[in-house]
Protein backbone atom coordinates (compact mmCIF):
# COMPACT_ATOMS: atom_id res chain seq x y z
CA UNK A 1 -6.48 0.60 19.18
CA UNK A 2 -7.84 1.92 15.91
CA UNK A 3 -7.48 -1.33 13.97
CA UNK A 4 -9.83 -2.99 16.45
CA UNK A 5 -12.30 -0.11 16.82
CA UNK A 6 -12.46 1.16 13.23
CA UNK A 7 -10.92 -1.25 10.70
CA UNK A 8 -10.96 -0.27 7.06
CA UNK A 9 -9.78 -3.74 5.98
CA UNK A 10 -10.63 -7.02 7.69
CA UNK A 11 -8.78 -10.13 6.48
CA UNK A 12 -10.41 -13.31 7.77
CA UNK A 13 -8.96 -16.82 7.53
CA UNK A 14 -7.04 -16.09 4.33
CA UNK A 15 -5.44 -19.14 2.74
CA UNK A 16 -3.54 -19.28 -0.54
CA UNK A 17 -2.40 -22.56 -2.07
CA UNK A 18 -0.20 -23.10 -5.11
CA UNK A 19 -0.68 -26.78 -5.85
CA UNK A 20 0.55 -28.59 -2.76
CA UNK A 21 2.26 -25.49 -1.33
CA UNK A 22 0.39 -23.43 1.24
CA UNK A 23 1.87 -19.92 0.88
CA UNK A 24 -0.56 -18.25 3.34
CA UNK A 25 -2.22 -20.29 6.07
CA UNK A 26 -5.38 -19.18 7.93
CA UNK A 27 -4.30 -15.55 8.22
CA UNK A 28 -6.52 -13.00 9.95
CA UNK A 29 -5.75 -9.36 10.72
CA UNK A 30 -7.23 -5.85 10.58
CA UNK A 31 -5.97 -2.58 9.13
CA UNK A 32 -7.12 0.53 10.99
CA UNK A 33 -8.66 3.46 9.15
CA UNK A 34 -5.99 6.16 8.95
CA UNK A 35 -3.29 3.84 10.33
CA UNK A 36 0.09 2.91 8.90
CA UNK A 37 0.21 -0.87 9.15
CA UNK A 38 3.39 -2.83 8.42
CA UNK A 39 3.38 -6.44 7.24
CA UNK A 40 6.83 -7.85 8.00
CA UNK A 41 8.61 -11.19 8.13
CA UNK A 42 11.61 -13.07 6.74
CA UNK A 43 11.99 -13.66 3.01
CA UNK A 44 9.46 -16.21 1.79
CA UNK A 45 7.02 -15.51 4.63
CA UNK A 46 4.11 -14.88 2.24
CA UNK A 47 3.88 -11.10 2.47
CA UNK A 48 3.67 -10.33 -1.25
CA UNK A 49 1.18 -13.17 -1.70
CA UNK A 50 -1.08 -11.45 0.84
CA UNK A 51 -0.75 -8.17 -1.09
CA UNK A 52 -1.59 -9.92 -4.34
CA UNK A 53 -4.76 -11.36 -2.78
CA UNK A 54 -5.84 -7.95 -1.43
CA UNK A 55 -5.23 -6.14 -4.72
CA UNK A 56 -6.78 -8.76 -7.02
CA UNK A 57 -3.70 -10.27 -8.65
CA UNK A 58 -4.54 -13.60 -6.97
CA UNK A 59 -7.89 -15.05 -6.00
CA UNK A 60 -7.58 -16.57 -2.51
CA UNK A 61 -8.09 -20.29 -2.06
CA UNK A 62 -10.13 -19.52 1.06
CA UNK A 63 -11.06 -16.55 3.24
CA UNK A 64 -12.75 -13.15 3.19
CA UNK A 65 -11.22 -9.73 2.53
CA UNK A 66 -13.66 -6.99 3.52
CA UNK A 67 -12.93 -3.32 2.88
CA UNK A 68 -15.30 -0.77 4.40
CA UNK A 69 -15.64 2.84 3.27
CA UNK A 70 -16.85 5.58 5.55
CA UNK A 71 -20.38 6.96 5.19
CA UNK A 72 -20.52 9.29 2.21
CA UNK A 73 -17.80 7.49 0.26
CA UNK A 74 -18.59 5.55 -2.88
CA UNK A 75 -19.99 2.26 -1.73
CA UNK A 76 -20.13 -1.26 -3.08
CA UNK A 77 -23.11 -2.34 -0.97
CA UNK A 78 -25.73 -0.89 1.33
CA UNK A 79 -23.27 -0.74 4.25
CA UNK A 80 -20.39 0.63 2.14
CA UNK A 81 -18.39 -2.59 2.10
CA UNK A 82 -16.55 -4.50 -0.64
CA UNK A 83 -15.69 -8.19 -0.61
CA UNK A 84 -12.35 -7.93 -2.38
CA UNK A 85 -11.98 -11.65 -3.02
CA UNK A 86 -15.09 -11.47 -5.26
CA UNK A 87 -14.06 -8.44 -7.32
CA UNK A 88 -11.95 -8.35 -10.50
CA UNK A 89 -8.71 -6.45 -10.09
CA UNK A 90 -9.80 -3.32 -11.98
CA UNK A 91 -12.83 -2.91 -9.71
CA UNK A 92 -10.69 -3.25 -6.58
CA UNK A 93 -8.74 -0.24 -7.84
CA UNK A 94 -11.60 1.76 -9.34
CA UNK A 95 -14.54 1.08 -7.00
CA UNK A 96 -13.04 -0.13 -3.73
CA UNK A 97 -10.23 2.45 -4.17
CA UNK A 98 -7.27 0.30 -3.28
CA UNK A 99 -3.96 1.42 -4.85
CA UNK A 100 -0.58 -0.28 -4.76
CA UNK A 101 3.04 0.05 -5.73
CA UNK A 102 5.46 -2.76 -6.49
CA UNK A 103 8.87 -3.80 -5.23
CA UNK A 104 10.26 -3.08 -8.70
CA UNK A 105 9.48 0.46 -9.86
CA UNK A 106 6.87 0.51 -12.63
CA UNK A 107 6.83 4.10 -13.84
CA UNK A 108 6.32 5.00 -17.50
CA UNK A 109 9.95 5.98 -17.92
CA UNK A 110 9.53 7.55 -21.37
CA UNK A 111 6.67 9.81 -20.21
CA UNK A 112 7.25 13.01 -18.28
CA UNK A 113 6.94 13.21 -14.53
CA UNK A 114 3.69 15.18 -14.91
CA UNK A 115 2.27 12.74 -17.46
CA UNK A 116 2.83 9.84 -15.06
CA UNK A 117 0.50 11.54 -12.58
CA UNK A 118 -2.07 12.41 -15.24
CA UNK A 119 -2.24 8.85 -16.57
CA UNK A 120 -3.19 7.72 -13.05
CA UNK A 121 -6.34 9.83 -13.49
CA UNK A 122 -7.20 8.23 -16.82
CA UNK A 123 -10.54 6.79 -15.68
CA UNK A 124 -11.78 10.14 -14.38
CA UNK A 125 -10.71 11.97 -17.53
CA UNK A 126 -12.25 9.35 -19.82
CA UNK A 127 -15.59 9.62 -18.01
CA UNK A 128 -15.45 13.41 -18.20
CA UNK A 129 -14.76 13.20 -21.93
CA UNK A 130 -17.79 11.00 -22.54
CA UNK A 131 -15.27 8.42 -23.71
CA UNK A 132 -13.57 10.78 -26.19
CA UNK A 133 -16.52 12.83 -27.61
CA UNK A 134 -16.31 15.73 -25.13
CA UNK A 135 -12.53 15.58 -25.29
CA UNK A 136 -12.44 15.80 -29.07
CA UNK A 137 -14.69 18.85 -29.10
CA UNK A 138 -13.13 20.47 -26.02
CA UNK A 139 -16.40 20.78 -24.16
CA UNK A 140 -16.35 22.82 -20.92
CA UNK A 141 -17.03 19.79 -18.69
CA UNK A 142 -13.94 18.02 -20.02
CA UNK A 143 -11.76 21.13 -19.81
CA UNK A 144 -12.76 21.55 -16.17
CA UNK A 145 -11.89 17.92 -15.40
CA UNK A 146 -8.58 18.32 -17.23
CA UNK A 147 -7.65 21.40 -15.18
CA UNK A 148 -8.58 19.59 -11.96
CA UNK A 149 -6.37 16.63 -12.94
CA UNK A 150 -3.41 18.93 -13.63
CA UNK A 151 -3.96 20.75 -10.32
CA UNK A 152 -3.98 17.45 -8.44
CA UNK A 153 -0.79 16.36 -10.20
CA UNK A 154 0.91 19.66 -9.38
CA UNK A 155 -0.14 19.32 -5.74
CA UNK A 156 1.62 15.96 -5.47
CA UNK A 157 4.68 17.16 -7.36
CA UNK A 158 5.03 20.00 -4.88
CA UNK A 159 4.59 17.58 -1.97
CA UNK A 160 7.41 15.34 -3.22
CA UNK A 161 9.60 18.29 -4.28
CA UNK A 162 9.59 17.44 -7.99
CA UNK A 163 7.61 20.37 -9.40
CA UNK A 164 10.77 21.73 -11.08
CA UNK A 165 11.17 18.44 -12.95
CA UNK A 166 7.57 18.11 -14.12
CA UNK A 167 8.56 18.10 -17.80
CA UNK A 168 11.54 15.74 -17.45
CA UNK A 169 11.25 12.05 -18.43
CA UNK A 170 10.43 10.00 -15.33
CA UNK A 171 13.25 7.60 -16.22
CA UNK A 172 15.80 10.40 -15.76
CA UNK A 173 14.97 10.87 -12.07
CA UNK A 174 17.25 9.51 -9.34
CA UNK A 175 16.10 6.25 -7.81
CA UNK A 176 14.75 7.79 -4.60
CA UNK A 177 12.74 10.38 -6.54
CA UNK A 178 11.26 7.63 -8.69
CA UNK A 179 10.12 5.81 -5.54
CA UNK A 180 8.32 8.91 -4.25
CA UNK A 181 6.83 9.63 -7.69
CA UNK A 182 5.35 6.13 -7.79
CA UNK A 183 3.64 6.75 -4.44
CA UNK A 184 2.37 10.15 -5.66
CA UNK A 185 0.98 8.47 -8.78
CA UNK A 186 -0.90 5.96 -6.63
CA UNK A 187 -2.28 8.80 -4.48
CA UNK A 188 -3.65 10.54 -7.59
CA UNK A 189 -6.28 7.77 -7.74
CA UNK A 190 -7.67 8.97 -4.36
CA UNK A 191 -7.29 5.60 -2.59
CA UNK A 192 -8.74 4.83 0.82
CA UNK A 193 -6.11 2.08 1.20
CA UNK A 194 -2.58 2.43 -0.17
CA UNK A 195 -0.55 -0.81 -0.40
CA UNK A 196 3.22 -0.36 -0.72
CA UNK A 197 5.56 -3.27 -1.48
CA UNK A 198 8.98 -2.49 0.04
CA UNK A 199 8.94 1.26 -0.65
CA UNK A 200 12.28 1.80 1.14
CA UNK A 201 14.17 -0.86 -0.85
CA UNK A 202 17.42 0.57 -2.18
CA UNK A 203 17.08 3.96 -0.48
CA UNK A 204 19.89 5.67 1.42
CA UNK A 205 19.23 7.10 4.93
CA UNK A 206 18.29 10.56 3.62
CA UNK A 207 15.88 9.11 1.08
CA UNK A 208 14.39 6.82 3.73
CA UNK A 209 13.67 9.84 5.91
CA UNK A 210 12.02 11.63 2.98
CA UNK A 211 9.89 8.51 2.44
CA UNK A 212 8.92 8.48 6.12
CA UNK A 213 7.83 12.11 5.92
CA UNK A 214 5.78 11.43 2.78
CA UNK A 215 3.98 8.44 4.31
CA UNK A 216 3.22 10.32 7.51
CA UNK A 217 1.76 13.12 5.36
CA UNK A 218 -0.37 10.59 3.43
CA UNK A 219 -1.77 9.37 6.73
CA UNK A 220 -2.11 12.69 8.57
CA UNK A 221 -3.14 15.05 5.75
CA UNK A 222 -5.24 12.69 3.63
CA UNK A 223 -6.43 10.15 6.23
CA UNK A 224 -5.41 7.36 3.85
CA UNK A 225 -4.73 3.99 5.44
CA UNK A 226 -1.31 2.61 4.46
CA UNK A 227 -0.43 -1.09 4.40
CA UNK A 228 3.22 -1.70 3.66
CA UNK A 229 5.64 -4.59 3.29
CA UNK A 230 9.05 -3.52 4.49
CA UNK A 231 12.39 -5.04 5.53
CA UNK A 232 13.88 -1.75 6.74
CA UNK A 233 13.08 -1.88 10.45
CA UNK A 234 14.07 1.76 10.94
CA UNK A 235 11.17 2.72 8.65
CA UNK A 236 8.75 0.22 10.22
CA UNK A 237 9.44 1.18 13.81
CA UNK A 238 9.48 4.95 13.21
CA UNK A 239 6.19 5.38 11.37
CA UNK A 240 3.98 2.32 11.93
CA UNK A 241 0.95 2.32 14.21
CA UNK A 242 0.44 -1.42 13.86
CA UNK A 243 2.77 -4.28 12.88
CA UNK A 244 1.84 -7.80 11.73
CA UNK A 245 4.54 -10.47 11.51
CA UNK A 246 4.39 -13.51 9.20
CA UNK A 247 6.59 -16.59 9.17
CA UNK A 248 6.07 -19.35 6.60
CA UNK A 249 2.64 -17.94 5.76
CA UNK A 250 1.40 -17.93 9.35
CA UNK A 251 0.88 -14.93 11.63
CA UNK A 252 3.18 -15.13 14.65
CA UNK A 253 2.68 -11.65 16.12
CA UNK A 254 0.30 -8.69 15.85
CA UNK A 255 0.53 -5.45 17.83
CA UNK A 256 2.21 -2.09 18.30
CA UNK A 257 5.83 -1.56 17.23
CA UNK A 258 6.95 -1.73 20.86
CA UNK A 259 5.16 -5.03 21.41
CA UNK A 260 6.66 -6.48 18.23
CA UNK A 261 10.16 -5.29 19.11
CA UNK A 262 10.02 -7.29 22.35
CA UNK A 263 8.27 -10.41 21.02
CA UNK A 264 10.38 -13.56 21.43
CA UNK A 265 8.78 -15.31 18.45
CA UNK A 266 9.66 -12.39 16.15
CA UNK A 267 13.28 -12.43 17.30
CA UNK A 268 13.45 -16.17 16.68
CA UNK A 269 11.87 -15.92 13.21
CA UNK A 270 14.27 -13.23 12.04
CA UNK A 271 17.29 -15.08 13.39
CA UNK A 272 16.10 -18.41 12.00
CA UNK A 273 16.07 -20.51 15.16
CA UNK A 274 13.70 -23.20 16.40
CA UNK A 275 10.99 -22.50 18.97
CA UNK A 276 12.87 -24.32 21.74
CA UNK A 277 15.81 -21.95 21.28
CA UNK A 278 13.79 -18.72 21.60
CA UNK A 279 14.57 -17.99 25.25
CA UNK A 280 18.28 -18.61 24.73
CA UNK A 281 18.43 -16.28 21.73
CA UNK A 282 16.42 -13.57 23.49
CA UNK A 283 18.87 -13.67 26.42
CA UNK A 284 21.79 -13.26 24.02
CA UNK A 285 20.11 -10.37 22.17
CA UNK A 286 19.40 -8.51 25.41
CA UNK A 287 22.79 -9.20 27.01
C-alpha cells in the first residue's frame, strides 16, 4: 500500500487541546504520495481540526507533521522534509506546497474567473517582477512569467470547462462551478498535497460526478496527493485509495475503502451506538 511504502505526509501522535477539551487525541496516520486519502467521521469527530493543524491555522498541542518532497523538488531540509507544526502558515503554503479549500467557498466573487486563478500565482508573479520594479517597466522576464501564469490559468479553466466564462465575475457562476474553480485555484499554486474540506457539500449527483472526475485527474495527471474531508460516501468510496475514520478525535479505522465499508466500529460510529451494540447493529445492517 502506497501510504505505507511512500508517504508524502506522516502525522504522528497529533493532539489538539482547546482548554480542557481534547479535540484530537493521539492521532497517527500516513498519506500516500499520489493517493486520494479521505478523512471521514461523524460531525464533531475532529476532522477540520486535523486539517487546520496540517495547514497552519492551528499549532498542535503535541505531535509531529512531516511532509516529504520527492528528490528534485524544493526542499526544506537536506532530506527534502518539512516539519509542518514548526512552520508559519504562509510557509506551509509557499515552501512545503500544501494547498487547501474550505467548506464554505472563498472565491473573490467580484473578480473574474480568470483573475481568481491569476491571484493564486501572486507570489510567483511578484518575484518575477522584482517586487514591482520589473512589472512597472514591463521587463521581458516579467512578461514571460505573466504569459506563463495566464497559460496555466487557461489550462485549468479548460480542464474544469469554464474557459468560455473566463471574463465573468466568479460570483455569477453556479454553485458547482464555483466549487471546481476553487480547486483549480488551489492547483495553480502547484501543490504536492491538496487538502479539500467537504468539496462535494451541496452538489447534485451530476456535479458530484464532475468533481470525482476532476479529483481523479488531479491525482492521475499531476501526481498530486489529495487529502479530503467528506460526508458524501458515494464520493469517498468511488475515488479514495485510503480512508481514515475519526470518532471523537480518535482514529477508529484506517484502510482501503472496502475494509472501511465492512468495519464494525465504523458502522457503530455512524449510527451512534455503543461498542457493546456493534455486533447487533452490524447484523441488522447486513440482514
